[in-house]
Amino acid sequence: MAAFTQIRYDVSDAIATITLSRPEKMNAFTGVMMRELL
């Protein structure tokens, strides 16, 4: 699995959860997040 810096990715019981993880900036969406999601 890739090492993400601004998102968290978890799979439990065949359900994937993607969490924005940039609390210091109130999880504002960034270009890095977009690249990590793609």
N, C-alpha and C. Protein backbone atom coordinates (compact mmCIF):
# COMPACT_ATOMS: atom_id res chain seq x y z
N MET A 1 0.84 -1.18 0.00
CA MET A 1 0.00 0.00 0.00
C MET A 1 0.89 1.25 0.00
N ALA A 2 0.45 2.26 -0.68
CA ALA A 2 1.20 3.51 -0.76
C ALA A 2 1.20 4.24 0.58
N ALA A 3 2.24 5.03 0.81
CA ALA A 3 2.31 5.84 2.02
C ALA A 3 1.67 7.19 1.73
N PHE A 4 0.55 7.46 2.35
CA PHE A 4 -0.16 8.71 2.15
C PHE A 4 0.26 9.72 3.21
N THR A 5 0.26 11.00 2.86
CA THR A 5 0.64 12.03 3.82
C THR A 5 -0.54 12.85 4.30
N GLN A 6 -1.61 12.95 3.49
CA GLN A 6 -2.72 13.81 3.87
C GLN A 6 -4.07 13.11 3.88
N ILE A 7 -4.08 11.82 3.62
CA ILE A 7 -5.32 11.06 3.74
C ILE A 7 -5.03 9.79 4.51
N ARG A 8 -6.08 9.24 5.11
CA ARG A 8 -5.99 7.93 5.76
C ARG A 8 -6.91 7.00 5.01
N TYR A 9 -6.47 5.76 4.83
CA TYR A 9 -7.21 4.77 4.07
C TYR A 9 -7.31 3.52 4.92
N ASP A 10 -8.54 3.03 5.13
CA ASP A 10 -8.74 1.85 5.96
C ASP A 10 -9.79 0.97 5.31
N VAL A 11 -9.59 -0.34 5.37
CA VAL A 11 -10.57 -1.30 4.87
C VAL A 11 -10.97 -2.20 6.03
N SER A 12 -12.28 -2.29 6.25
CA SER A 12 -12.81 -3.14 7.31
C SER A 12 -14.09 -3.78 6.81
N ASP A 13 -14.15 -5.10 6.87
CA ASP A 13 -15.34 -5.84 6.42
C ASP A 13 -15.72 -5.47 4.99
N ALA A 14 -14.75 -5.39 4.11
CA ALA A 14 -14.94 -5.10 2.69
C ALA A 14 -15.48 -3.69 2.42
N ILE A 15 -15.32 -2.80 3.39
CA ILE A 15 -15.73 -1.40 3.21
C ILE A 15 -14.49 -0.52 3.37
N ALA A 16 -14.21 0.28 2.34
CA ALA A 16 -13.06 1.19 2.39
C ALA A 16 -13.51 2.56 2.90
N THR A 17 -12.72 3.12 3.80
CA THR A 17 -12.98 4.45 4.32
C THR A 17 -11.77 5.32 4.03
N ILE A 18 -12.01 6.46 3.39
CA ILE A 18 -10.95 7.43 3.10
C ILE A 18 -11.25 8.67 3.93
N THR A 19 -10.26 9.08 4.73
CA THR A 19 -10.44 10.21 5.63
C THR A 19 -9.43 11.30 5.29
N LEU A 20 -9.90 12.53 5.12
CA LEU A 20 -9.00 13.66 4.94
C LEU A 20 -8.30 13.89 6.27
N SER A 21 -6.98 14.00 6.25
CA SER A 21 -6.24 14.09 7.50
C SER A 21 -5.28 15.27 7.48
N ARG A 22 -5.86 16.44 7.64
CA ARG A 22 -5.08 17.68 7.69
C ARG A 22 -5.73 18.60 8.72
N PRO A 23 -5.82 18.14 9.97
CA PRO A 23 -6.58 18.88 10.98
C PRO A 23 -6.05 20.28 11.27
N GLU A 24 -4.75 20.49 11.09
CA GLU A 24 -4.18 21.82 11.38
C GLU A 24 -4.71 22.88 10.42
N LYS A 25 -5.26 22.45 9.27
CA LYS A 25 -5.84 23.37 8.28
C LYS A 25 -7.32 23.09 8.08
N MET A 26 -7.95 22.46 9.09
CA MET A 26 -9.38 22.14 9.05
C MET A 26 -9.73 21.29 7.83
N ASN A 27 -8.79 20.41 7.43
CA ASN A 27 -8.97 19.46 6.33
C ASN A 27 -9.27 20.11 4.99
N ALA A 28 -8.74 21.31 4.78
CA ALA A 28 -8.89 21.97 3.48
C ALA A 28 -8.29 21.08 2.40
N PHE A 29 -8.99 20.95 1.27
CA PHE A 29 -8.56 20.07 0.19
C PHE A 29 -7.37 20.68 -0.54
N THR A 30 -6.37 19.86 -0.85
CA THR A 30 -5.15 20.34 -1.51
C THR A 30 -4.87 19.53 -2.76
N GLY A 31 -3.93 20.01 -3.55
CA GLY A 31 -3.48 19.27 -4.72
C GLY A 31 -2.85 17.94 -4.33
N VAL A 32 -2.15 17.92 -3.21
CA VAL A 32 -1.55 16.67 -2.72
C VAL A 32 -2.64 15.65 -2.44
N MET A 33 -3.72 16.08 -1.80
CA MET A 33 -4.84 15.16 -1.53
C MET A 33 -5.41 14.62 -2.83
N MET A 34 -5.57 15.47 -3.81
CA MET A 34 -6.11 15.03 -5.09
C MET A 34 -5.21 13.96 -5.71
N ARG A 35 -3.91 14.20 -5.71
CA ARG A 35 -2.98 13.21 -6.27
C ARG A 35 -3.00 11.91 -5.48
N GLU A 36 -3.12 11.99 -4.15
CA GLU A 36 -3.18 10.77 -3.34
C GLU A 36 -4.46 9.99 -3.60
N LEU A 37 -5.54 10.67 -3.88
CA LEU A 37 -6.81 9.98 -4.17
C LEU A 37 -6.81 9.34 -5.54
N LEU A 38 -6.08 9.93 -6.49
CA LEU A 38 -6.03 9.37 -7.83
C LEU A 38 -5.00 8.30 -7.87
